[in-house]
Amino acid sequence: MLWFSSSADFMEAMYVSPMTRDEMEQRRLEAAKDLLSGQSQSRVARKFGVSRTTASRWHRTLSQRGAEGLRKRRATGRPSRLGAEQLRRIPEIWAEGAVVHGFPDNRWTTARLAAVIEARFGVRYDHDHVGRLMHKLGLRTSDARRRNGQPQAGYLTVGYGVNGVTQMSPSAA
């Protein structure tokens, strides 16, 4: 369970966007410096906002393989079939609304967005994968229930902000 020293810390944690692989590597290397300087694993875990188990794993890797062992490794899995620029365009397409893309209403479904992605970029995705893609881009969360492309009152509005940062704000609907 996470503990926060103040409600401000809790709110900050609620709105932190996922870290990039480079940011995670930087965090591990900074933690390595602290571990090498003699700080306890518990203190390092608190400082970097990770579990005690993660700090212990970092310490073990540092002891066995040195700082190089904490560097990022090549990502496994199949590379995205959409390029960075195409991925950046998806939230813009979403914001335009489904009607602009030939649908009878502005309700985005995974099947509709998959059809637009295929038409626009020539890449065919299964609607289940499009759901994961929407979540990754901040267009869909399990907490944000949408109707006609708009969040219902009382739910969070999730948007894709500047430089790919997910921004969240209370719904005004």
N, C-alpha and C. Protein backbone atom coordinates (compact mmCIF):
# COMPACT_ATOMS: atom_id res chain seq x y z
N MET A 1 0.84 -1.18 0.00
CA MET A 1 0.00 0.00 0.00
C MET A 1 0.88 1.24 0.00
N LEU A 2 0.51 2.24 -0.77
CA LEU A 2 1.27 3.48 -0.80
C LEU A 2 0.81 4.41 0.31
N TRP A 3 1.77 5.05 0.92
CA TRP A 3 1.47 6.04 1.95
C TRP A 3 1.98 7.38 1.48
N PHE A 4 1.21 8.42 1.70
CA PHE A 4 1.60 9.76 1.27
C PHE A 4 1.67 10.64 2.50
N SER A 5 2.69 11.49 2.56
CA SER A 5 2.88 12.34 3.73
C SER A 5 1.87 13.48 3.78
N SER A 6 1.27 13.82 2.66
CA SER A 6 0.27 14.88 2.65
C SER A 6 -0.71 14.63 1.52
N SER A 7 -1.84 15.33 1.59
CA SER A 7 -2.81 15.18 0.51
C SER A 7 -2.26 15.75 -0.80
N ALA A 8 -1.36 16.73 -0.70
CA ALA A 8 -0.75 17.28 -1.92
C ALA A 8 0.09 16.21 -2.62
N ASP A 9 0.83 15.39 -1.83
CA ASP A 9 1.61 14.30 -2.42
C ASP A 9 0.70 13.31 -3.11
N PHE A 10 -0.44 13.02 -2.47
CA PHE A 10 -1.40 12.08 -3.04
C PHE A 10 -1.94 12.62 -4.37
N MET A 11 -2.32 13.90 -4.41
CA MET A 11 -2.88 14.48 -5.62
C MET A 11 -1.83 14.51 -6.73
N GLU A 12 -0.58 14.82 -6.36
CA GLU A 12 0.49 14.83 -7.36
C GLU A 12 0.66 13.43 -7.95
N ALA A 13 0.60 12.42 -7.11
CA ALA A 13 0.75 11.04 -7.58
C ALA A 13 -0.41 10.65 -8.49
N MET A 14 -1.60 11.17 -8.23
CA MET A 14 -2.76 10.83 -9.04
C MET A 14 -2.62 11.33 -10.48
N TYR A 15 -1.87 12.40 -10.70
CA TYR A 15 -1.82 13.02 -12.01
C TYR A 15 -0.47 12.84 -12.71
N VAL A 16 0.37 11.98 -12.20
CA VAL A 16 1.66 11.72 -12.82
C VAL A 16 1.46 10.82 -14.03
N SER A 17 2.03 11.23 -15.15
CA SER A 17 1.91 10.41 -16.34
C SER A 17 2.93 9.28 -16.28
N PRO A 18 2.69 8.22 -17.01
CA PRO A 18 3.65 7.12 -17.01
C PRO A 18 5.03 7.59 -17.46
N MET A 19 6.05 6.99 -16.86
CA MET A 19 7.41 7.36 -17.20
C MET A 19 7.83 6.68 -18.50
N THR A 20 8.68 7.37 -19.24
CA THR A 20 9.24 6.76 -20.44
C THR A 20 10.34 5.79 -20.02
N ARG A 21 10.79 4.98 -20.94
CA ARG A 21 11.88 4.04 -20.64
C ARG A 21 13.15 4.78 -20.25
N ASP A 22 13.41 5.92 -20.90
CA ASP A 22 14.59 6.72 -20.56
C ASP A 22 14.48 7.29 -19.14
N GLU A 23 13.29 7.75 -18.78
CA GLU A 23 13.08 8.30 -17.43
C GLU A 23 13.24 7.21 -16.37
N MET A 24 12.74 6.01 -16.66
CA MET A 24 12.89 4.90 -15.71
C MET A 24 14.36 4.53 -15.54
N GLU A 25 15.10 4.53 -16.64
CA GLU A 25 16.53 4.23 -16.54
C GLU A 25 17.24 5.29 -15.71
N GLN A 26 16.92 6.54 -15.96
CA GLN A 26 17.53 7.63 -15.19
C GLN A 26 17.23 7.49 -13.70
N ARG A 27 16.00 7.11 -13.38
CA ARG A 27 15.62 6.91 -11.97
C ARG A 27 16.45 5.78 -11.36
N ARG A 28 16.60 4.68 -12.08
CA ARG A 28 17.39 3.56 -11.56
C ARG A 28 18.84 3.96 -11.33
N LEU A 29 19.42 4.73 -12.27
CA LEU A 29 20.82 5.13 -12.13
C LEU A 29 21.00 6.12 -10.98
N GLU A 30 20.03 7.00 -10.77
CA GLU A 30 20.10 7.91 -9.63
C GLU A 30 19.97 7.13 -8.32
N ALA A 31 19.09 6.14 -8.31
CA ALA A 31 18.94 5.30 -7.12
C ALA A 31 20.23 4.53 -6.85
N ALA A 32 20.91 4.10 -7.91
CA ALA A 32 22.18 3.37 -7.76
C ALA A 32 23.20 4.23 -7.03
N LYS A 33 23.27 5.51 -7.37
CA LYS A 33 24.19 6.43 -6.69
C LYS A 33 23.89 6.47 -5.19
N ASP A 34 22.62 6.56 -4.86
CA ASP A 34 22.22 6.60 -3.44
C ASP A 34 22.55 5.29 -2.74
N LEU A 35 22.30 4.17 -3.41
CA LEU A 35 22.61 2.87 -2.81
C LEU A 35 24.12 2.72 -2.60
N LEU A 36 24.90 3.17 -3.58
CA LEU A 36 26.35 3.08 -3.46
C LEU A 36 26.89 4.01 -2.38
N SER A 37 26.17 5.10 -2.10
CA SER A 37 26.62 6.02 -1.05
C SER A 37 26.21 5.55 0.34
N GLY A 38 25.54 4.39 0.40
CA GLY A 38 25.21 3.80 1.69
C GLY A 38 23.79 4.02 2.19
N GLN A 39 22.96 4.66 1.40
CA GLN A 39 21.58 4.84 1.84
C GLN A 39 20.87 3.50 1.87
N SER A 40 19.93 3.36 2.78
CA SER A 40 19.21 2.09 2.92
C SER A 40 18.26 1.89 1.75
N GLN A 41 17.94 0.63 1.51
CA GLN A 41 17.00 0.31 0.43
C GLN A 41 15.64 0.92 0.72
N SER A 42 15.24 0.95 1.97
CA SER A 42 13.95 1.55 2.33
C SER A 42 13.92 3.03 2.01
N ARG A 43 15.00 3.73 2.33
CA ARG A 43 15.07 5.16 2.04
C ARG A 43 15.05 5.41 0.53
N VAL A 44 15.78 4.61 -0.22
CA VAL A 44 15.80 4.74 -1.68
C VAL A 44 14.41 4.48 -2.25
N ALA A 45 13.74 3.46 -1.73
CA ALA A 45 12.39 3.14 -2.20
C ALA A 45 11.45 4.34 -1.98
N ARG A 46 11.50 4.94 -0.80
CA ARG A 46 10.65 6.09 -0.52
C ARG A 46 11.01 7.28 -1.41
N LYS A 47 12.30 7.54 -1.55
CA LYS A 47 12.76 8.69 -2.34
C LYS A 47 12.30 8.61 -3.79
N PHE A 48 12.35 7.41 -4.36
CA PHE A 48 12.03 7.27 -5.78
C PHE A 48 10.62 6.74 -6.04
N GLY A 49 9.83 6.58 -4.98
CA GLY A 49 8.44 6.19 -5.15
C GLY A 49 8.24 4.79 -5.70
N VAL A 50 9.10 3.86 -5.25
CA VAL A 50 8.98 2.47 -5.70
C VAL A 50 8.81 1.59 -4.47
N SER A 51 8.48 0.34 -4.71
CA SER A 51 8.31 -0.59 -3.60
C SER A 51 9.67 -0.97 -3.02
N ARG A 52 9.66 -1.46 -1.82
CA ARG A 52 10.89 -1.94 -1.18
C ARG A 52 11.47 -3.10 -1.98
N THR A 53 10.61 -3.93 -2.55
CA THR A 53 11.04 -5.06 -3.37
C THR A 53 11.81 -4.56 -4.59
N THR A 54 11.32 -3.50 -5.22
CA THR A 54 12.01 -2.94 -6.39
C THR A 54 13.38 -2.40 -6.00
N ALA A 55 13.45 -1.67 -4.88
CA ALA A 55 14.75 -1.14 -4.42
C ALA A 55 15.70 -2.28 -4.11
N SER A 56 15.19 -3.38 -3.54
CA SER A 56 16.02 -4.55 -3.25
C SER A 56 16.52 -5.19 -4.54
N ARG A 57 15.65 -5.26 -5.54
CA ARG A 57 16.05 -5.82 -6.84
C ARG A 57 17.13 -4.97 -7.47
N TRP A 58 16.98 -3.63 -7.40
CA TRP A 58 18.00 -2.73 -7.94
C TRP A 58 19.33 -2.95 -7.21
N HIS A 59 19.27 -3.08 -5.88
CA HIS A 59 20.49 -3.28 -5.09
C HIS A 59 21.19 -4.58 -5.48
N ARG A 60 20.40 -5.64 -5.64
CA ARG A 60 20.96 -6.94 -6.02
C ARG A 60 21.61 -6.87 -7.40
N THR A 61 20.93 -6.22 -8.36
CA THR A 61 21.47 -6.07 -9.71
C THR A 61 22.75 -5.24 -9.66
N LEU A 62 22.74 -4.18 -8.89
CA LEU A 62 23.92 -3.32 -8.75
C LEU A 62 25.10 -4.11 -8.19
N SER A 63 24.84 -4.96 -7.20
CA SER A 63 25.90 -5.77 -6.59
C SER A 63 26.45 -6.81 -7.56
N GLN A 64 25.56 -7.41 -8.35
CA GLN A 64 25.97 -8.50 -9.23
C GLN A 64 26.54 -8.03 -10.57
N ARG A 65 25.95 -6.97 -11.15
CA ARG A 65 26.34 -6.56 -12.50
C ARG A 65 26.79 -5.11 -12.62
N GLY A 66 26.74 -4.38 -11.53
CA GLY A 66 27.14 -2.98 -11.56
C GLY A 66 26.04 -2.10 -12.16
N ALA A 67 26.36 -0.82 -12.33
CA ALA A 67 25.39 0.15 -12.83
C ALA A 67 24.90 -0.20 -14.24
N GLU A 68 25.74 -0.86 -15.03
CA GLU A 68 25.33 -1.25 -16.38
C GLU A 68 24.12 -2.18 -16.35
N GLY A 69 24.00 -2.97 -15.30
CA GLY A 69 22.87 -3.87 -15.17
C GLY A 69 21.55 -3.14 -14.98
N LEU A 70 21.62 -1.87 -14.58
CA LEU A 70 20.40 -1.08 -14.36
C LEU A 70 20.01 -0.26 -15.58
N ARG A 71 20.82 -0.33 -16.61
CA ARG A 71 20.48 0.40 -17.84
C ARG A 71 19.32 -0.29 -18.55
N LYS A 72 18.58 0.48 -19.34
CA LYS A 72 17.43 -0.09 -20.05
C LYS A 72 17.91 -1.11 -21.08
N ARG A 73 17.09 -2.10 -21.24
CA ARG A 73 17.36 -3.11 -22.26
C ARG A 73 16.42 -2.85 -23.43
N ARG A 74 16.74 -3.45 -24.53
CA ARG A 74 15.89 -3.32 -25.71
C ARG A 74 14.49 -3.82 -25.38
N ALA A 75 13.51 -3.07 -25.78
CA ALA A 75 12.12 -3.44 -25.51
C ALA A 75 11.79 -4.74 -26.24
N THR A 76 11.13 -5.63 -25.54
CA THR A 76 10.70 -6.86 -26.19
C THR A 76 9.34 -6.65 -26.83
N GLY A 77 8.95 -7.56 -27.62
CA GLY A 77 7.66 -7.46 -28.27
C GLY A 77 7.75 -6.85 -29.65
N ARG A 78 6.68 -6.96 -30.34
CA ARG A 78 6.63 -6.47 -31.71
C ARG A 78 6.58 -4.94 -31.71
N PRO A 79 7.35 -4.29 -32.59
CA PRO A 79 7.28 -2.84 -32.67
C PRO A 79 5.93 -2.39 -33.22
N SER A 80 5.54 -1.19 -32.87
CA SER A 80 4.27 -0.64 -33.33
C SER A 80 4.27 -0.53 -34.85
N ARG A 81 3.13 -0.82 -35.44
CA ARG A 81 3.00 -0.68 -36.89
C ARG A 81 2.72 0.77 -37.28
N LEU A 82 2.36 1.59 -36.29
CA LEU A 82 2.18 3.01 -36.53
C LEU A 82 3.43 3.75 -36.09
N GLY A 83 3.86 4.72 -36.86
CA GLY A 83 5.01 5.53 -36.51
C GLY A 83 4.65 6.52 -35.41
N ALA A 84 5.65 7.20 -34.87
CA ALA A 84 5.45 8.16 -33.79
C ALA A 84 4.50 9.28 -34.21
N GLU A 85 4.67 9.78 -35.42
CA GLU A 85 3.81 10.86 -35.91
C GLU A 85 2.36 10.37 -36.07
N GLN A 86 2.19 9.15 -36.55
CA GLN A 86 0.84 8.60 -36.69
C GLN A 86 0.18 8.41 -35.33
N LEU A 87 0.94 7.93 -34.37
CA LEU A 87 0.40 7.78 -33.01
C LEU A 87 0.02 9.13 -32.43
N ARG A 88 0.82 10.14 -32.71
CA ARG A 88 0.53 11.48 -32.22
C ARG A 88 -0.77 12.02 -32.82
N ARG A 89 -1.10 11.61 -34.03
CA ARG A 89 -2.30 12.08 -34.71
C ARG A 89 -3.59 11.45 -34.17
N ILE A 90 -3.51 10.29 -33.56
CA ILE A 90 -4.73 9.60 -33.11
C ILE A 90 -5.53 10.44 -32.11
N PRO A 91 -4.92 11.06 -31.08
CA PRO A 91 -5.73 11.91 -30.20
C PRO A 91 -6.37 13.09 -30.94
N GLU A 92 -5.70 13.60 -31.96
CA GLU A 92 -6.29 14.69 -32.76
C GLU A 92 -7.51 14.18 -33.52
N ILE A 93 -7.39 12.99 -34.08
CA ILE A 93 -8.53 12.37 -34.79
C ILE A 93 -9.68 12.18 -33.82
N TRP A 94 -9.37 11.67 -32.63
CA TRP A 94 -10.38 11.46 -31.59
C TRP A 94 -11.09 12.77 -31.26
N ALA A 95 -10.30 13.85 -31.12
CA ALA A 95 -10.87 15.15 -30.74
C ALA A 95 -11.78 15.72 -31.85
N GLU A 96 -11.51 15.36 -33.10
CA GLU A 96 -12.34 15.84 -34.20
C GLU A 96 -13.76 15.29 -34.11
N GLY A 97 -13.90 14.13 -33.48
CA GLY A 97 -15.21 13.51 -33.35
C GLY A 97 -15.47 12.50 -34.46
N ALA A 98 -16.32 11.55 -34.17
CA ALA A 98 -16.60 10.47 -35.11
C ALA A 98 -17.41 10.93 -36.31
N VAL A 99 -18.26 11.94 -36.13
CA VAL A 99 -19.10 12.43 -37.23
C VAL A 99 -18.24 12.94 -38.38
N VAL A 100 -17.15 13.62 -38.06
CA VAL A 100 -16.25 14.14 -39.08
C VAL A 100 -15.70 13.01 -39.95
N HIS A 101 -15.65 11.82 -39.40
CA HIS A 101 -15.09 10.68 -40.12
C HIS A 101 -16.18 9.77 -40.71
N GLY A 102 -17.39 10.31 -40.82
CA GLY A 102 -18.44 9.62 -41.55
C GLY A 102 -19.38 8.76 -40.71
N PHE A 103 -19.31 8.87 -39.40
CA PHE A 103 -20.21 8.08 -38.55
C PHE A 103 -21.43 8.91 -38.18
N PRO A 104 -22.56 8.25 -37.88
CA PRO A 104 -23.80 8.99 -37.65
C PRO A 104 -23.84 9.79 -36.35
N ASP A 105 -22.97 9.46 -35.39
CA ASP A 105 -22.92 10.22 -34.14
C ASP A 105 -21.45 10.32 -33.70
N ASN A 106 -21.19 11.07 -32.65
CA ASN A 106 -19.82 11.29 -32.20
C ASN A 106 -19.33 10.25 -31.21
N ARG A 107 -20.01 9.13 -31.11
CA ARG A 107 -19.59 8.08 -30.17
C ARG A 107 -18.47 7.27 -30.79
N TRP A 108 -17.29 7.38 -30.16
CA TRP A 108 -16.17 6.57 -30.64
C TRP A 108 -16.25 5.18 -30.04
N THR A 109 -16.14 4.19 -30.86
CA THR A 109 -16.00 2.81 -30.40
C THR A 109 -14.65 2.33 -30.90
N THR A 110 -14.19 1.24 -30.35
CA THR A 110 -12.91 0.70 -30.81
C THR A 110 -12.99 0.30 -32.27
N ALA A 111 -14.13 -0.24 -32.69
CA ALA A 111 -14.28 -0.65 -34.09
C ALA A 111 -14.26 0.57 -35.01
N ARG A 112 -14.90 1.66 -34.60
CA ARG A 112 -14.90 2.87 -35.42
C ARG A 112 -13.50 3.46 -35.53
N LEU A 113 -12.80 3.55 -34.41
CA LEU A 113 -11.45 4.11 -34.45
C LEU A 113 -10.53 3.21 -35.26
N ALA A 114 -10.71 1.89 -35.16
CA ALA A 114 -9.91 0.96 -35.96
C ALA A 114 -10.14 1.21 -37.45
N ALA A 115 -11.39 1.46 -37.83
CA ALA A 115 -11.71 1.72 -39.24
C ALA A 115 -11.05 3.01 -39.72
N VAL A 116 -11.04 4.05 -38.87
CA VAL A 116 -10.42 5.32 -39.25
C VAL A 116 -8.91 5.16 -39.35
N ILE A 117 -8.31 4.43 -38.41
CA ILE A 117 -6.86 4.18 -38.46
C ILE A 117 -6.49 3.46 -39.75
N GLU A 118 -7.30 2.47 -40.12
CA GLU A 118 -7.01 1.73 -41.36
C GLU A 118 -7.17 2.63 -42.58
N ALA A 119 -8.23 3.44 -42.60
CA ALA A 119 -8.46 4.33 -43.74
C ALA A 119 -7.38 5.40 -43.83
N ARG A 120 -6.99 5.96 -42.71
CA ARG A 120 -6.03 7.07 -42.70
C ARG A 120 -4.59 6.62 -42.89
N PHE A 121 -4.21 5.52 -42.22
CA PHE A 121 -2.81 5.12 -42.20
C PHE A 121 -2.51 3.79 -42.90
N GLY A 122 -3.57 3.08 -43.32
CA GLY A 122 -3.36 1.81 -44.00
C GLY A 122 -2.90 0.69 -43.08
N VAL A 123 -3.17 0.84 -41.79
CA VAL A 123 -2.77 -0.17 -40.81
C VAL A 123 -4.04 -0.74 -40.19
N ARG A 124 -4.21 -2.06 -40.30
CA ARG A 124 -5.40 -2.71 -39.75
C ARG A 124 -5.11 -3.26 -38.37
N TYR A 125 -5.87 -2.79 -37.38
CA TYR A 125 -5.77 -3.28 -36.01
C TYR A 125 -7.09 -3.92 -35.61
N ASP A 126 -7.00 -4.97 -34.82
CA ASP A 126 -8.18 -5.56 -34.21
C ASP A 126 -8.75 -4.54 -33.21
N HIS A 127 -10.07 -4.53 -33.05
CA HIS A 127 -10.67 -3.54 -32.16
C HIS A 127 -10.20 -3.70 -30.71
N ASP A 128 -9.85 -4.92 -30.30
CA ASP A 128 -9.32 -5.11 -28.93
C ASP A 128 -7.99 -4.38 -28.76
N HIS A 129 -7.14 -4.44 -29.79
CA HIS A 129 -5.87 -3.74 -29.71
C HIS A 129 -6.09 -2.23 -29.71
N VAL A 130 -7.05 -1.76 -30.48
CA VAL A 130 -7.35 -0.33 -30.52
C VAL A 130 -7.79 0.14 -29.12
N GLY A 131 -8.50 -0.70 -28.39
CA GLY A 131 -8.88 -0.35 -27.02
C GLY A 131 -7.65 -0.15 -26.14
N ARG A 132 -6.66 -1.03 -26.27
CA ARG A 132 -5.42 -0.87 -25.51
C ARG A 132 -4.68 0.38 -25.95
N LEU A 133 -4.68 0.64 -27.25
CA LEU A 133 -4.03 1.83 -27.79
C LEU A 133 -4.70 3.10 -27.26
N MET A 134 -6.03 3.10 -27.23
CA MET A 134 -6.77 4.24 -26.70
C MET A 134 -6.41 4.48 -25.24
N HIS A 135 -6.31 3.42 -24.48
CA HIS A 135 -5.95 3.55 -23.07
C HIS A 135 -4.54 4.11 -22.93
N LYS A 136 -3.61 3.59 -23.72
CA LYS A 136 -2.22 4.04 -23.68
C LYS A 136 -2.11 5.53 -24.00
N LEU A 137 -2.93 6.00 -24.93
CA LEU A 137 -2.89 7.40 -25.34
C LEU A 137 -3.73 8.31 -24.44
N GLY A 138 -4.36 7.73 -23.42
CA GLY A 138 -5.14 8.54 -22.50
C GLY A 138 -6.52 8.90 -23.01
N LEU A 139 -6.98 8.20 -24.03
CA LEU A 139 -8.29 8.49 -24.60
C LEU A 139 -9.39 7.69 -23.92
N ARG A 140 -8.99 6.72 -23.12
CA ARG A 140 -9.98 5.83 -22.52
C ARG A 140 -9.39 5.29 -21.23
N THR A 141 -10.15 5.40 -20.17
CA THR A 141 -9.75 4.77 -18.92
C THR A 141 -10.95 4.03 -18.38
N SER A 142 -10.71 3.16 -17.46
CA SER A 142 -11.84 2.43 -16.87
C SER A 142 -12.69 3.37 -16.02
N ASP A 143 -12.13 4.52 -15.60
CA ASP A 143 -12.87 5.47 -14.77
C ASP A 143 -13.67 6.48 -15.57
N ALA A 144 -13.29 6.69 -16.81
CA ALA A 144 -13.95 7.73 -17.61
C ALA A 144 -15.02 7.08 -18.49
N ARG A 145 -16.24 7.12 -18.04
CA ARG A 145 -17.34 6.57 -18.81
C ARG A 145 -17.80 7.64 -19.79
N ARG A 146 -17.82 7.29 -21.08
CA ARG A 146 -18.14 8.29 -22.09
C ARG A 146 -19.47 7.97 -22.76
N ARG A 147 -20.16 9.01 -23.12
CA ARG A 147 -21.39 8.87 -23.87
C ARG A 147 -21.38 9.94 -24.96
N ASN A 148 -21.53 9.56 -26.20
CA ASN A 148 -21.48 10.49 -27.34
C ASN A 148 -20.17 11.27 -27.38
N GLY A 149 -19.08 10.60 -27.03
CA GLY A 149 -17.78 11.24 -27.11
C GLY A 149 -17.46 12.16 -25.95
N GLN A 150 -18.40 12.33 -25.02
CA GLN A 150 -18.19 13.23 -23.89
C GLN A 150 -18.27 12.46 -22.59
N PRO A 151 -17.44 12.84 -21.59
CA PRO A 151 -17.52 12.15 -20.32
C PRO A 151 -18.82 12.49 -19.60
N GLN A 152 -19.32 11.55 -18.84
CA GLN A 152 -20.51 11.81 -18.06
C GLN A 152 -20.13 12.66 -16.86
N ALA A 153 -21.08 13.39 -16.33
CA ALA A 153 -20.83 14.24 -15.16
C ALA A 153 -20.26 13.42 -14.02
N GLY A 154 -19.30 13.99 -13.34
CA GLY A 154 -18.71 13.32 -12.19
C GLY A 154 -17.53 12.44 -12.49
N TYR A 155 -17.23 12.22 -13.75
CA TYR A 155 -16.08 11.39 -14.10
C TYR A 155 -14.93 12.28 -14.53
N LEU A 156 -13.76 11.70 -14.62
CA LEU A 156 -12.58 12.46 -15.03
C LEU A 156 -12.54 12.61 -16.53
N THR A 157 -12.11 13.78 -16.97
CA THR A 157 -11.84 14.01 -18.38
C THR A 157 -10.37 13.69 -18.57
N VAL A 158 -10.07 12.82 -19.51
CA VAL A 158 -8.69 12.44 -19.76
C VAL A 158 -8.35 12.88 -21.16
N GLY A 159 -7.27 13.64 -21.31
CA GLY A 159 -6.89 14.14 -22.61
C GLY A 159 -5.43 13.88 -22.90
N TYR A 160 -5.07 14.03 -24.14
CA TYR A 160 -3.69 13.84 -24.54
C TYR A 160 -3.11 15.22 -24.69
N GLY A 161 -2.19 15.57 -23.80
CA GLY A 161 -1.70 16.93 -23.73
C GLY A 161 -0.42 17.16 -24.52
N VAL A 162 0.22 18.25 -24.22
CA VAL A 162 1.44 18.67 -24.89
C VAL A 162 2.55 17.67 -24.63
N ASN A 163 3.34 17.38 -25.64
CA ASN A 163 4.47 16.46 -25.56
C ASN A 163 4.08 15.07 -25.08
N GLY A 164 2.85 14.66 -25.34
CA GLY A 164 2.44 13.30 -25.02
C GLY A 164 2.10 13.07 -23.57
N VAL A 165 1.97 14.13 -22.77
CA VAL A 165 1.66 13.97 -21.36
C VAL A 165 0.16 13.85 -21.19
N THR A 166 -0.27 12.85 -20.47
CA THR A 166 -1.68 12.68 -20.21
C THR A 166 -2.10 13.66 -19.14
N GLN A 167 -3.15 14.44 -19.42
CA GLN A 167 -3.64 15.41 -18.46
C GLN A 167 -5.02 14.99 -18.02
N MET A 168 -5.29 15.15 -16.73
CA MET A 168 -6.59 14.75 -16.20
C MET A 168 -7.20 15.94 -15.47
N SER A 169 -8.49 16.13 -15.62
CA SER A 169 -9.15 17.19 -14.89
C SER A 169 -10.57 16.74 -14.59
N PRO A 170 -11.15 17.29 -13.51
CA PRO A 170 -12.54 16.90 -13.19
C PRO A 170 -13.48 17.29 -14.33
N SER A 171 -14.47 16.48 -14.55
CA SER A 171 -15.44 16.73 -15.59
C SER A 171 -16.32 17.91 -15.21
N ALA A 172 -16.58 18.77 -16.16
CA ALA A 172 -17.46 19.90 -15.92
C ALA A 172 -18.86 19.62 -16.44
N ALA A 173 -19.06 18.46 -17.01
CA ALA A 173 -20.35 18.11 -17.61
C ALA A 173 -21.42 17.96 -16.55
